Amino acid sequence: MPRIDVELLEEEWDEDFRPPRDKQYSVAANERIEQDEPARVVAVDRGRVTVLLDGEVLEATYAGSMRGVRVVVGDDVRVRPPRHETDTPRVTAVLDRRSVLQRTGDDAVDEARVVAANVDQVVVVLAGDHLAAGARFLDRVLVAAELGGVDAVVCINKLDVADPDEVADVRRRYEDIGYATLVTSAATGEGLDRLRWQLEGVWSVLTGHSGVGKSSLYNHLVPHADQEVAEIGRRGGRHTTVASRAEPVAGLEDGWVVDTPGVRSFGLGFVAEEDLAGAFPELRRLGCEHDDCRHDGEPGCRLATATISDERLATYRRLLSSIRGDDAWERDEWGSDPDEEDAP
């Protein structure tokens, strides 16, 4: 008599079933899950999961096989489609991630929060009238992107109120490293076509300090979103996005953008000291005698003969010190601290 696979039956019919953490599913149960439909997570909000399944956006729930596992926007998952009108799609498995963008609450915390998974690029928005502070935030995101396998694009917004010379200096600094840069004005519409072109055919994360105009740009890209907007004030901007969500970009045949809650800090506590230099392309290309060179006065370091911007080198040294625990959390020029942020 054939063996009845109780695990498979429970997974199939009882969505409240939660197997013990250390219990492995049977071969039959795993094979059944592998037959479920591939889908992609487009939103996660307070335990609710929204997935893109066969071109249709559907609300889904976690199946018993997902005990202890939670997904983020961009995750590739397997979904068991509903069998009848009153049924709900269920997420039965999360697949391996190809890339990840993550951060911590501050540099002293090593437990990372994943902002988005499997994205192709992150577009970091800077306010044209606060470029010095914005560049410090940008450098932190660039480190996370380099280590997570995500391409990065620098977007200077509020071009209508920016100093042209300062904008040119910042663009030159990052283009010399190899990053794509673009300028926009959500107020006048300048540069928006170039931004849409940058988003064509890929999944992108849109991130930036609170109040840099990210929500205004997002409203141009996804008009039906109609997000609240806020300006930068004495202590930064007011958060207007409260949960990450991916939406197709209007006017593009293929291109999705993930909007994230604005933050006042982007911690790198998950970054190991020996990995930091590798996240700076200009340092990675130095060819020092030792692969794990910290560029901190070691024999065989070629930093002294390299041409690297003073601003980027200062950022590297500041981050290295912070990761080592030599300094307290780096406060930005708005005086913000990690306790004031919204978590994505």
C-alpha atoms as a PDB file:
ATOM      1  CA  MET A   1       0.000   0.000   0.000  1.00  0.00           C
ATOM      2  CA  PRO A   2       1.469   3.400  -0.927  1.00  0.00           C
ATOM      3  CA  ARG A   3       2.662   5.576   1.939  1.00  0.00           C
ATOM      4  CA  ILE A   4       0.432   8.580   2.594  1.00  0.00           C
ATOM      5  CA  ASP A   5       2.537  11.716   2.703  1.00  0.00           C
ATOM      6  CA  VAL A   6       0.993  13.499   5.678  1.00  0.00           C
ATOM      7  CA  GLU A   7       3.323  16.492   5.328  1.00  0.00           C
ATOM      8  CA  LEU A   8       2.235  17.060   1.766  1.00  0.00           C
ATOM      9  CA  LEU A   9      -1.446  16.853   2.706  1.00  0.00           C
ATOM     10  CA  GLU A  10      -0.984  19.310   5.557  1.00  0.00           C
ATOM     11  CA  GLU A  11       0.929  21.738   3.343  1.00  0.00           C
ATOM     12  CA  GLU A  12      -1.686  21.337   0.632  1.00  0.00           C
ATOM     13  CA  TRP A  13      -4.810  21.951   2.683  1.00  0.00           C
ATOM     14  CA  ASP A  14      -4.026  23.563   6.020  1.00  0.00           C
ATOM     15  CA  GLU A  15      -2.693  27.066   5.540  1.00  0.00           C
ATOM     16  CA  ASP A  16      -2.357  27.481   9.316  1.00  0.00           C
ATOM     17  CA  PHE A  17      -0.055  24.460   9.554  1.00  0.00           C
ATOM     18  CA  ARG A  18       3.377  25.333  10.901  1.00  0.00           C
ATOM     19  CA  PRO A  19       5.881  22.455  10.890  1.00  0.00           C
ATOM     20  CA  PRO A  20       8.652  22.411  13.514  1.00  0.00           C
ATOM     21  CA  ARG A  21      11.632  24.568  12.530  1.00  0.00           C
ATOM     22  CA  ASP A  22      14.032  21.642  12.389  1.00  0.00           C
ATOM     23  CA  LYS A  23      11.706  19.328  10.450  1.00  0.00           C
ATOM     24  CA  GLN A  24      12.570  18.643   6.823  1.00  0.00           C
ATOM     25  CA  TYR A  25       9.887  18.186   4.192  1.00  0.00           C
ATOM     26  CA  SER A  26       9.673  14.874   2.416  1.00  0.00           C
ATOM     27  CA  VAL A  27      10.833  14.439  -1.165  1.00  0.00           C
ATOM     28  CA  ALA A  28       7.206  14.362  -2.321  1.00  0.00           C
ATOM     29  CA  ALA A  29       6.387  17.603  -0.505  1.00  0.00           C
ATOM     30  CA  ASN A  30       9.424  19.352  -1.992  1.00  0.00           C
ATOM     31  CA  GLU A  31       8.548  18.101  -5.461  1.00  0.00           C
ATOM     32  CA  ARG A  32       5.031  19.455  -5.052  1.00  0.00           C
ATOM     33  CA  ILE A  33       6.365  22.872  -4.059  1.00  0.00           C
ATOM     34  CA  GLU A  34       8.717  22.880  -7.050  1.00  0.00           C
ATOM     35  CA  GLN A  35       5.679  22.482  -9.295  1.00  0.00           C
ATOM     36  CA  ASP A  36       4.082  25.648  -7.932  1.00  0.00           C
ATOM     37  CA  GLU A  37       4.039  28.713 -10.170  1.00  0.00           C
ATOM     38  CA  PRO A  38       6.997  31.146 -10.224  1.00  0.00           C
ATOM     39  CA  ALA A  39       6.058  34.680  -9.175  1.00  0.00           C
ATOM     40  CA  ARG A  40       7.702  37.862  -7.944  1.00  0.00           C
ATOM     41  CA  VAL A  41       6.951  39.860  -4.817  1.00  0.00           C
ATOM     42  CA  VAL A  42       5.898  43.440  -5.573  1.00  0.00           C
ATOM     43  CA  ALA A  43       4.806  44.543  -2.096  1.00  0.00           C
ATOM     44  CA  VAL A  44       5.060  43.506   1.538  1.00  0.00           C
ATOM     45  CA  ASP A  45       3.118  45.459   4.128  1.00  0.00           C
ATOM     46  CA  ARG A  46       2.429  44.322   7.696  1.00  0.00           C
ATOM     47  CA  GLY A  47       2.532  40.647   6.768  1.00  0.00           C
ATOM     48  CA  ARG A  48       0.512  41.004   3.579  1.00  0.00           C
ATOM     49  CA  VAL A  49       2.270  39.865   0.402  1.00  0.00           C
ATOM     50  CA  THR A  50       1.447  41.031  -3.121  1.00  0.00           C
ATOM     51  CA  VAL A  51       2.871  39.037  -6.017  1.00  0.00           C
ATOM     52  CA  LEU A  52       3.139  39.326  -9.782  1.00  0.00           C
ATOM     53  CA  LEU A  53       1.880  35.987 -11.136  1.00  0.00           C
ATOM     54  CA  ASP A  54       1.515  35.444 -14.882  1.00  0.00           C
ATOM     55  CA  GLY A  55       1.276  39.198 -15.441  1.00  0.00           C
ATOM     56  CA  GLU A  56      -1.437  39.634 -12.805  1.00  0.00           C
ATOM     57  CA  VAL A  57      -0.941  41.347  -9.441  1.00  0.00           C
ATOM     58  CA  LEU A  58      -2.510  39.269  -6.649  1.00  0.00           C
ATOM     59  CA  GLU A  59      -2.719  39.369  -2.863  1.00  0.00           C
ATOM     60  CA  ALA A  60      -1.220  36.232  -1.326  1.00  0.00           C
ATOM     61  CA  THR A  61      -0.648  34.636   2.070  1.00  0.00           C
ATOM     62  CA  TYR A  62       2.207  32.584   3.500  1.00  0.00           C
ATOM     63  CA  ALA A  63       1.847  28.809   3.348  1.00  0.00           C
ATOM     64  CA  GLY A  64       2.927  26.505   6.154  1.00  0.00           C
ATOM     65  CA  SER A  65       6.211  25.819   4.380  1.00  0.00           C
ATOM     66  CA  MET A  66       7.183  29.465   4.940  1.00  0.00           C
ATOM     67  CA  ARG A  67       7.317  29.225   8.717  1.00  0.00           C
ATOM     68  CA  GLY A  68      10.110  31.466   9.955  1.00  0.00           C
ATOM     69  CA  VAL A  69      10.725  32.814   6.444  1.00  0.00           C
ATOM     70  CA  ARG A  70       9.606  36.218   5.228  1.00  0.00           C
ATOM     71  CA  VAL A  71      10.024  37.777   1.816  1.00  0.00           C
ATOM     72  CA  VAL A  72      10.934  41.258   0.612  1.00  0.00           C
ATOM     73  CA  VAL A  73      10.038  43.216  -2.504  1.00  0.00           C
ATOM     74  CA  GLY A  74      11.748  41.710  -5.536  1.00  0.00           C
ATOM     75  CA  ASP A  75      11.994  38.185  -4.164  1.00  0.00           C
ATOM     76  CA  ASP A  76      11.369  35.357  -6.613  1.00  0.00           C
ATOM     77  CA  VAL A  77       8.932  32.938  -5.011  1.00  0.00           C
ATOM     78  CA  ARG A  78       6.769  29.938  -5.770  1.00  0.00           C
ATOM     79  CA  VAL A  79       3.043  30.435  -5.425  1.00  0.00           C
ATOM     80  CA  ARG A  80       0.219  27.931  -5.290  1.00  0.00           C
ATOM     81  CA  PRO A  81      -2.589  29.525  -7.357  1.00  0.00           C
ATOM     82  CA  PRO A  82      -6.128  29.629  -5.961  1.00  0.00           C
ATOM     83  CA  ARG A  83      -8.308  26.667  -6.847  1.00  0.00           C
ATOM     84  CA  HIS A  84     -11.612  28.528  -6.590  1.00  0.00           C
ATOM     85  CA  GLU A  85     -12.883  32.084  -6.321  1.00  0.00           C
ATOM     86  CA  THR A  86     -12.792  32.196  -2.524  1.00  0.00           C
ATOM     87  CA  ASP A  87      -9.301  30.706  -2.293  1.00  0.00           C
ATOM     88  CA  THR A  88      -6.144  32.805  -1.819  1.00  0.00           C
ATOM     89  CA  PRO A  89      -2.793  32.295  -3.550  1.00  0.00           C
ATOM     90  CA  ARG A  90      -0.178  31.019  -1.126  1.00  0.00           C
ATOM     91  CA  VAL A  91       3.560  31.641  -1.156  1.00  0.00           C
ATOM     92  CA  THR A  92       5.155  28.228  -0.661  1.00  0.00           C
ATOM     93  CA  ALA A  93       8.878  28.947  -1.171  1.00  0.00           C
ATOM     94  CA  VAL A  94      11.365  31.760  -1.709  1.00  0.00           C
ATOM     95  CA  LEU A  95      14.091  31.198  -4.295  1.00  0.00           C
ATOM     96  CA  ASP A  96      17.775  32.106  -4.073  1.00  0.00           C
ATOM     97  CA  ARG A  97      18.497  35.808  -4.407  1.00  0.00           C
ATOM     98  CA  ARG A  98      20.641  37.072  -7.287  1.00  0.00           C
ATOM     99  CA  SER A  99      21.309  40.442  -5.666  1.00  0.00           C
ATOM    100  CA  VAL A 100      20.360  42.251  -2.495  1.00  0.00           C
ATOM    101  CA  LEU A 101      20.338  45.833  -1.225  1.00  0.00           C
ATOM    102  CA  GLN A 102      20.504  45.968   2.555  1.00  0.00           C
ATOM    103  CA  ARG A 103      21.321  48.303   5.414  1.00  0.00           C
ATOM    104  CA  THR A 104      21.439  48.418   9.202  1.00  0.00           C
ATOM    105  CA  GLY A 105      19.978  50.880  11.693  1.00  0.00           C
ATOM    106  CA  ASP A 106      23.488  52.184  12.369  1.00  0.00           C
ATOM    107  CA  ASP A 107      27.101  51.083  12.004  1.00  0.00           C
ATOM    108  CA  ALA A 108      27.146  49.474  15.446  1.00  0.00           C
ATOM    109  CA  VAL A 109      24.368  47.021  14.530  1.00  0.00           C
ATOM    110  CA  ASP A 110      25.231  44.021  12.360  1.00  0.00           C
ATOM    111  CA  GLU A 111      21.701  42.697  11.756  1.00  0.00           C
ATOM    112  CA  ALA A 112      20.820  43.890   8.268  1.00  0.00           C
ATOM    113  CA  ARG A 113      17.405  44.859   6.930  1.00  0.00           C
ATOM    114  CA  VAL A 114      16.929  43.897   3.309  1.00  0.00           C
ATOM    115  CA  VAL A 115      15.560  46.834   1.317  1.00  0.00           C
ATOM    116  CA  ALA A 116      14.927  44.858  -1.888  1.00  0.00           C
ATOM    117  CA  ALA A 117      16.108  41.676  -3.589  1.00  0.00           C
ATOM    118  CA  ASN A 118      16.924  40.688  -7.168  1.00  0.00           C
ATOM    119  CA  VAL A 119      16.976  44.293  -8.375  1.00  0.00           C
ATOM    120  CA  ASP A 120      19.232  45.379 -11.220  1.00  0.00           C
ATOM    121  CA  GLN A 121      20.076  48.873 -10.044  1.00  0.00           C
ATOM    122  CA  VAL A 122      19.560  51.411  -7.296  1.00  0.00           C
ATOM    123  CA  VAL A 123      18.898  55.039  -8.202  1.00  0.00           C
ATOM    124  CA  VAL A 124      20.105  57.242  -5.349  1.00  0.00           C
ATOM    125  CA  VAL A 125      18.361  60.624  -5.327  1.00  0.00           C
ATOM    126  CA  LEU A 126      20.215  63.672  -3.990  1.00  0.00           C
ATOM    127  CA  ALA A 127      18.725  67.123  -3.445  1.00  0.00           C
ATOM    128  CA  GLY A 128      20.509  69.668  -5.609  1.00  0.00           C
ATOM    129  CA  ASP A 129      20.486  72.229  -2.802  1.00  0.00           C
ATOM    130  CA  HIS A 130      21.939  69.808  -0.194  1.00  0.00           C
ATOM    131  CA  LEU A 131      24.622  68.005  -2.207  1.00  0.00           C
ATOM    132  CA  ALA A 132      27.329  67.839   0.455  1.00  0.00           C
ATOM    133  CA  ALA A 133      25.143  65.945   2.910  1.00  0.00           C
ATOM    134  CA  GLY A 134      23.544  63.967   0.097  1.00  0.00           C
ATOM    135  CA  ALA A 135      26.911  62.728  -1.150  1.00  0.00           C
ATOM    136  CA  ARG A 136      27.705  61.261   2.259  1.00  0.00           C
ATOM    137  CA  PHE A 137      24.446  59.318   2.203  1.00  0.00           C
ATOM    138  CA  LEU A 138      25.108  58.339  -1.421  1.00  0.00           C
ATOM    139  CA  ASP A 139      28.524  56.883  -0.591  1.00  0.00           C
ATOM    140  CA  ARG A 140      26.953  54.611   1.990  1.00  0.00           C
ATOM    141  CA  VAL A 141      24.366  53.308  -0.467  1.00  0.00           C
ATOM    142  CA  LEU A 142      27.087  52.756  -3.063  1.00  0.00           C
ATOM    143  CA  VAL A 143      28.978  50.517  -0.630  1.00  0.00           C
ATOM    144  CA  ALA A 144      25.852  48.438  -0.004  1.00  0.00           C
ATOM    145  CA  ALA A 145      25.149  48.232  -3.739  1.00  0.00           C
ATOM    146  CA  GLU A 146      28.695  47.132  -4.606  1.00  0.00           C
ATOM    147  CA  LEU A 147      28.643  44.380  -1.990  1.00  0.00           C
ATOM    148  CA  GLY A 148      25.117  43.282  -2.913  1.00  0.00           C
ATOM    149  CA  GLY A 149      25.691  42.957  -6.660  1.00  0.00           C
ATOM    150  CA  VAL A 150      23.478  45.925  -7.573  1.00  0.00           C
ATOM    151  CA  ASP A 151      24.403  48.591 -10.146  1.00  0.00           C
ATOM    152  CA  ALA A 152      24.064  52.187  -8.987  1.00  0.00           C
ATOM    153  CA  VAL A 153      22.929  55.423 -10.610  1.00  0.00           C
ATOM    154  CA  VAL A 154      23.380  58.915  -9.135  1.00  0.00           C
ATOM    155  CA  CYS A 155      20.359  61.172  -9.626  1.00  0.00           C
ATOM    156  CA  ILE A 156      20.669  64.837  -8.655  1.00  0.00           C
ATOM    157  CA  ASN A 157      17.132  66.179  -8.265  1.00  0.00           C
ATOM    158  CA  LYS A 158      15.883  69.729  -7.675  1.00  0.00           C
ATOM    159  CA  LEU A 159      18.130  70.959 -10.456  1.00  0.00           C
ATOM    160  CA  ASP A 160      16.042  74.151 -10.575  1.00  0.00           C
ATOM    161  CA  VAL A 161      17.428  75.263  -7.181  1.00  0.00           C
ATOM    162  CA  ALA A 162      20.935  73.780  -7.446  1.00  0.00           C
ATOM    163  CA  ASP A 163      24.287  75.492  -7.960  1.00  0.00           C
ATOM    164  CA  PRO A 164      25.399  74.440 -11.486  1.00  0.00           C
ATOM    165  CA  ASP A 165      29.079  74.369 -10.531  1.00  0.00           C
ATOM    166  CA  GLU A 166      28.439  72.179  -7.509  1.00  0.00           C
ATOM    167  CA  VAL A 167      26.295  69.831  -9.597  1.00  0.00           C
ATOM    168  CA  ALA A 168      29.060  69.568 -12.193  1.00  0.00           C
ATOM    169  CA  ASP A 169      31.653  68.774  -9.517  1.00  0.00           C
ATOM    170  CA  VAL A 170      29.552  66.006  -7.988  1.00  0.00           C
ATOM    171  CA  ARG A 171      28.737  64.482 -11.369  1.00  0.00           C
ATOM    172  CA  ARG A 172      32.410  64.508 -12.366  1.00  0.00           C
ATOM    173  CA  ARG A 173      33.445  62.866  -9.103  1.00  0.00           C
ATOM    174  CA  TYR A 174      31.163  59.869  -9.596  1.00  0.00           C
ATOM    175  CA  GLU A 175      31.457  59.566 -13.366  1.00  0.00           C
ATOM    176  CA  ASP A 176      35.242  59.371 -12.968  1.00  0.00           C
ATOM    177  CA  ILE A 177      34.680  56.313 -10.770  1.00  0.00           C
ATOM    178  CA  GLY A 178      32.358  54.758 -13.342  1.00  0.00           C
ATOM    179  CA  TYR A 179      28.870  55.486 -12.016  1.00  0.00           C
ATOM    180  CA  ALA A 180      26.133  56.768 -14.293  1.00  0.00           C
ATOM    181  CA  THR A 181      24.799  60.178 -13.275  1.00  0.00           C
ATOM    182  CA  LEU A 182      21.769  62.159 -14.314  1.00  0.00           C
ATOM    183  CA  VAL A 183      20.029  65.358 -13.270  1.00  0.00           C
ATOM    184  CA  THR A 184      16.323  65.956 -12.829  1.00  0.00           C
ATOM    185  CA  SER A 185      13.800  68.472 -11.630  1.00  0.00           C
ATOM    186  CA  ALA A 186      10.481  67.074 -10.512  1.00  0.00           C
ATOM    187  CA  ALA A 187       9.210  70.667 -10.446  1.00  0.00           C
ATOM    188  CA  THR A 188      10.013  71.535 -14.092  1.00  0.00           C
ATOM    189  CA  GLY A 189      10.121  68.051 -15.630  1.00  0.00           C
ATOM    190  CA  GLU A 190      13.732  68.456 -16.759  1.00  0.00           C
ATOM    191  CA  GLY A 191      15.603  65.167 -17.078  1.00  0.00           C
ATOM    192  CA  LEU A 192      12.581  62.923 -16.549  1.00  0.00           C
ATOM    193  CA  ASP A 193      12.827  61.358 -20.009  1.00  0.00           C
ATOM    194  CA  ARG A 194      16.456  60.483 -19.322  1.00  0.00           C
ATOM    195  CA  LEU A 195      15.439  58.935 -16.002  1.00  0.00           C
ATOM    196  CA  ARG A 196      12.745  56.833 -17.679  1.00  0.00           C
ATOM    197  CA  TRP A 197      15.300  55.634 -20.231  1.00  0.00           C
ATOM    198  CA  GLN A 198      17.544  54.549 -17.356  1.00  0.00           C
ATOM    199  CA  LEU A 199      14.676  52.454 -15.945  1.00  0.00           C
ATOM    200  CA  GLU A 200      13.805  50.683 -19.208  1.00  0.00           C
ATOM    201  CA  GLY A 201      13.896  46.889 -19.027  1.00  0.00           C
ATOM    202  CA  VAL A 202      15.151  46.584 -15.441  1.00  0.00           C
ATOM    203  CA  TRP A 203      13.996  46.489 -11.838  1.00  0.00           C
ATOM    204  CA  SER A 204      15.247  49.572  -9.997  1.00  0.00           C
ATOM    205  CA  VAL A 205      15.189  50.769  -6.396  1.00  0.00           C
ATOM    206  CA  LEU A 206      14.563  54.472  -5.834  1.00  0.00           C
ATOM    207  CA  THR A 207      16.094  55.631  -2.564  1.00  0.00           C
ATOM    208  CA  GLY A 208      17.367  58.777  -0.907  1.00  0.00           C
ATOM    209  CA  HIS A 209      17.352  60.943   2.190  1.00  0.00           C
ATOM    210  CA  SER A 210      13.903  62.025   3.340  1.00  0.00           C
ATOM    211  CA  GLY A 211      12.838  65.189   1.549  1.00  0.00           C
ATOM    212  CA  VAL A 212      15.080  64.975  -1.534  1.00  0.00           C
ATOM    213  CA  GLY A 213      12.082  64.865  -3.872  1.00  0.00           C
ATOM    214  CA  LYS A 214      12.029  61.108  -4.315  1.00  0.00           C
ATOM    215  CA  SER A 215       8.243  60.881  -3.932  1.00  0.00           C
ATOM    216  CA  SER A 216       7.768  63.689  -6.460  1.00  0.00           C
ATOM    217  CA  LEU A 217       9.895  61.795  -8.984  1.00  0.00           C
ATOM    218  CA  TYR A 218       8.003  58.604  -8.220  1.00  0.00           C
ATOM    219  CA  ASN A 219       4.695  60.365  -8.916  1.00  0.00           C
ATOM    220  CA  HIS A 220       5.979  61.260 -12.389  1.00  0.00           C
ATOM    221  CA  LEU A 221       7.096  57.685 -13.024  1.00  0.00           C
ATOM    222  CA  VAL A 222       3.996  56.065 -11.524  1.00  0.00           C
ATOM    223  CA  PRO A 223       1.235  58.708 -11.822  1.00  0.00           C
ATOM    224  CA  HIS A 224      -1.487  56.632 -10.174  1.00  0.00           C
ATOM    225  CA  ALA A 225       0.578  56.384  -6.967  1.00  0.00           C
ATOM    226  CA  ASP A 226      -0.114  60.054  -6.104  1.00  0.00           C
ATOM    227  CA  GLN A 227       2.187  60.038  -3.092  1.00  0.00           C
ATOM    228  CA  GLU A 228       2.411  62.782  -0.522  1.00  0.00           C
ATOM    229  CA  VAL A 229       5.496  64.956  -0.858  1.00  0.00           C
ATOM    230  CA  ALA A 230       7.520  66.815   1.746  1.00  0.00           C
ATOM    231  CA  GLU A 231      10.429  69.235   1.751  1.00  0.00           C
ATOM    232  CA  ILE A 232      13.744  69.096   3.566  1.00  0.00           C
ATOM    233  CA  GLY A 233      13.679  70.989   6.838  1.00  0.00           C
ATOM    234  CA  ARG A 234      16.033  71.647   9.750  1.00  0.00           C
ATOM    235  CA  ARG A 235      16.052  67.968  10.751  1.00  0.00           C
ATOM    236  CA  GLY A 236      15.724  66.488   7.294  1.00  0.00           C
ATOM    237  CA  GLY A 237      12.538  65.663   5.444  1.00  0.00           C
ATOM    238  CA  ARG A 238       9.280  64.151   6.564  1.00  0.00           C
ATOM    239  CA  HIS A 239       8.826  60.522   5.535  1.00  0.00           C
ATOM    240  CA  THR A 240       6.045  60.185   2.968  1.00  0.00           C
ATOM    241  CA  THR A 241       6.552  56.568   1.851  1.00  0.00           C
ATOM    242  CA  VAL A 242       5.783  54.048   4.596  1.00  0.00           C
ATOM    243  CA  ALA A 243       6.265  50.692   2.859  1.00  0.00           C
ATOM    244  CA  SER A 244       8.302  49.453  -0.105  1.00  0.00           C
ATOM    245  CA  ARG A 245       6.358  48.639  -3.249  1.00  0.00           C
ATOM    246  CA  ALA A 246       7.244  47.904  -6.871  1.00  0.00           C
ATOM    247  CA  GLU A 247       5.211  49.386  -9.702  1.00  0.00           C
ATOM    248  CA  PRO A 248       5.607  49.368 -13.495  1.00  0.00           C
ATOM    249  CA  VAL A 249       6.925  52.665 -14.850  1.00  0.00           C
ATOM    250  CA  ALA A 250       4.332  54.490 -16.940  1.00  0.00           C
ATOM    251  CA  GLY A 251       5.161  54.658 -20.628  1.00  0.00           C
ATOM    252  CA  LEU A 252       7.674  51.824 -20.558  1.00  0.00           C
ATOM    253  CA  GLU A 253       7.137  48.451 -22.147  1.00  0.00           C
ATOM    254  CA  ASP A 254       9.169  46.828 -19.389  1.00  0.00           C
ATOM    255  CA  GLY A 255      10.568  48.494 -16.309  1.00  0.00           C
ATOM    256  CA  TRP A 256       9.669  48.336 -12.621  1.00  0.00           C
ATOM    257  CA  VAL A 257      10.620  50.773  -9.889  1.00  0.00           C
ATOM    258  CA  VAL A 258      10.680  50.033  -6.167  1.00  0.00           C
ATOM    259  CA  ASP A 259       9.963  53.033  -3.980  1.00  0.00           C
ATOM    260  CA  THR A 260      11.366  52.816  -0.457  1.00  0.00           C
ATOM    261  CA  PRO A 261      10.680  54.792   2.709  1.00  0.00           C
ATOM    262  CA  GLY A 262      12.953  57.798   2.976  1.00  0.00           C
ATOM    263  CA  VAL A 263      15.604  57.421   5.681  1.00  0.00           C
ATOM    264  CA  ARG A 264      17.927  59.757   7.565  1.00  0.00           C
ATOM    265  CA  SER A 265      20.598  57.107   8.049  1.00  0.00           C
ATOM    266  CA  PHE A 266      21.983  54.194   6.065  1.00  0.00           C
ATOM    267  CA  GLY A 267      23.946  51.937   8.390  1.00  0.00           C
ATOM    268  CA  LEU A 268      26.693  49.611   7.180  1.00  0.00           C
ATOM    269  CA  GLY A 269      27.064  47.473  10.285  1.00  0.00           C
ATOM    270  CA  PHE A 270      26.855  44.309   8.167  1.00  0.00           C
ATOM    271  CA  VAL A 271      30.030  45.239   6.260  1.00  0.00           C
ATOM    272  CA  ALA A 272      33.217  43.487   7.375  1.00  0.00           C
ATOM    273  CA  GLU A 273      36.276  45.689   7.730  1.00  0.00           C
ATOM    274  CA  GLU A 274      38.209  43.611   5.192  1.00  0.00           C
ATOM    275  CA  ASP A 275      35.436  44.034   2.588  1.00  0.00           C
ATOM    276  CA  LEU A 276      35.044  47.807   2.743  1.00  0.00           C
ATOM    277  CA  ALA A 277      37.880  48.760   0.382  1.00  0.00           C
ATOM    278  CA  GLY A 278      36.539  46.361  -2.251  1.00  0.00           C
ATOM    279  CA  ALA A 279      33.278  48.323  -2.261  1.00  0.00           C
ATOM    280  CA  PHE A 280      35.124  51.431  -3.507  1.00  0.00           C
ATOM    281  CA  PRO A 281      35.885  50.866  -7.229  1.00  0.00           C
ATOM    282  CA  GLU A 282      38.745  53.373  -7.246  1.00  0.00           C
ATOM    283  CA  LEU A 283      40.437  51.562  -4.328  1.00  0.00           C
ATOM    284  CA  ARG A 284      39.687  48.154  -5.783  1.00  0.00           C
ATOM    285  CA  ARG A 285      41.640  49.085  -8.908  1.00  0.00           C
ATOM    286  CA  LEU A 286      44.826  50.155  -7.097  1.00  0.00           C
ATOM    287  CA  GLY A 287      46.503  46.758  -7.316  1.00  0.00           C
ATOM    288  CA  CYS A 288      48.187  46.900  -3.919  1.00  0.00           C
ATOM    289  CA  GLU A 289      50.619  44.125  -3.002  1.00  0.00           C
ATOM    290  CA  HIS A 290      48.138  42.595  -0.542  1.00  0.00           C
ATOM    291  CA  ASP A 291      44.586  41.723  -1.593  1.00  0.00           C
ATOM    292  CA  ASP A 292      43.236  42.647   1.853  1.00  0.00           C
ATOM    293  CA  CYS A 293      44.986  46.027   1.965  1.00  0.00           C
ATOM    294  CA  ARG A 294      43.095  48.478   4.184  1.00  0.00           C
ATOM    295  CA  HIS A 295      44.923  51.463   2.621  1.00  0.00           C
ATOM    296  CA  ASP A 296      45.832  52.451   6.128  1.00  0.00           C
ATOM    297  CA  GLY A 297      49.619  52.708   5.889  1.00  0.00           C
ATOM    298  CA  GLU A 298      50.401  49.038   5.176  1.00  0.00           C
ATOM    299  CA  PRO A 299      53.588  48.113   3.262  1.00  0.00           C
ATOM    300  CA  GLY A 300      52.876  47.725  -0.453  1.00  0.00           C
ATOM    301  CA  CYS A 301      49.842  50.038  -0.427  1.00  0.00           C
ATOM    302  CA  ARG A 302      49.656  52.159  -3.581  1.00  0.00           C
ATOM    303  CA  LEU A 303      47.229  54.750  -2.279  1.00  0.00           C
ATOM    304  CA  ALA A 304      49.916  57.440  -2.096  1.00  0.00           C
ATOM    305  CA  THR A 305      50.448  57.337  -5.873  1.00  0.00           C
ATOM    306  CA  ALA A 306      46.756  57.093  -6.804  1.00  0.00           C
ATOM    307  CA  THR A 307      44.438  59.848  -7.982  1.00  0.00           C
ATOM    308  CA  ILE A 308      41.352  59.633  -5.786  1.00  0.00           C
ATOM    309  CA  SER A 309      39.012  62.459  -4.848  1.00  0.00           C
ATOM    310  CA  ASP A 310      39.551  63.902  -1.385  1.00  0.00           C
ATOM    311  CA  GLU A 311      35.830  63.534  -0.636  1.00  0.00           C
ATOM    312  CA  ARG A 312      35.713  59.823  -1.447  1.00  0.00           C
ATOM    313  CA  LEU A 313      38.923  59.072   0.428  1.00  0.00           C
ATOM    314  CA  ALA A 314      37.566  60.939   3.459  1.00  0.00           C
ATOM    315  CA  THR A 315      34.388  58.882   3.238  1.00  0.00           C
ATOM    316  CA  TYR A 316      36.347  55.636   3.109  1.00  0.00           C
ATOM    317  CA  ARG A 317      38.420  56.553   6.155  1.00  0.00           C
ATOM    318  CA  ARG A 318      35.360  57.740   8.066  1.00  0.00           C
ATOM    319  CA  LEU A 319      33.471  54.505   7.306  1.00  0.00           C
ATOM    320  CA  LEU A 320      36.481  52.335   8.130  1.00  0.00           C
ATOM    321  CA  SER A 321      36.771  54.065  11.489  1.00  0.00           C
ATOM    322  CA  SER A 322      33.053  53.661  12.153  1.00  0.00           C
ATOM    323  CA  ILE A 323      33.020  49.965  11.221  1.00  0.00           C
ATOM    324  CA  ARG A 324      36.008  49.388  13.508  1.00  0.00           C
ATOM    325  CA  GLY A 325      34.027  51.004  16.292  1.00  0.00           C
ATOM    326  CA  ASP A 326      36.530  53.826  16.708  1.00  0.00           C
ATOM    327  CA  ASP A 327      33.880  56.538  16.448  1.00  0.00           C
ATOM    328  CA  ALA A 328      30.251  56.983  17.405  1.00  0.00           C
ATOM    329  CA  TRP A 329      27.538  57.058  14.754  1.00  0.00           C
ATOM    330  CA  GLU A 330      28.319  59.626  12.081  1.00  0.00           C
ATOM    331  CA  ARG A 331      25.736  62.416  12.385  1.00  0.00           C
ATOM    332  CA  ASP A 332      24.865  64.238   9.214  1.00  0.00           C
ATOM    333  CA  GLU A 333      24.624  67.994   8.874  1.00  0.00           C
ATOM    334  CA  TRP A 334      20.901  67.915   9.695  1.00  0.00           C
ATOM    335  CA  GLY A 335      21.723  66.496  13.132  1.00  0.00           C
ATOM    336  CA  SER A 336      19.684  63.325  12.573  1.00  0.00           C
ATOM    337  CA  ASP A 337      20.323  60.044  14.289  1.00  0.00           C
ATOM    338  CA  PRO A 338      19.240  56.439  13.652  1.00  0.00           C
ATOM    339  CA  ASP A 339      16.429  56.554  16.218  1.00  0.00           C
ATOM    340  CA  GLU A 340      14.541  59.031  14.028  1.00  0.00           C
ATOM    341  CA  GLU A 341      14.326  56.896  10.910  1.00  0.00           C
ATOM    342  CA  ASP A 342      11.517  54.866   9.395  1.00  0.00           C
ATOM    343  CA  ALA A 343      12.441  51.246   8.703  1.00  0.00           C
ATOM    344  CA  PRO A 344      11.738  49.883   5.230  1.00  0.00           C
END
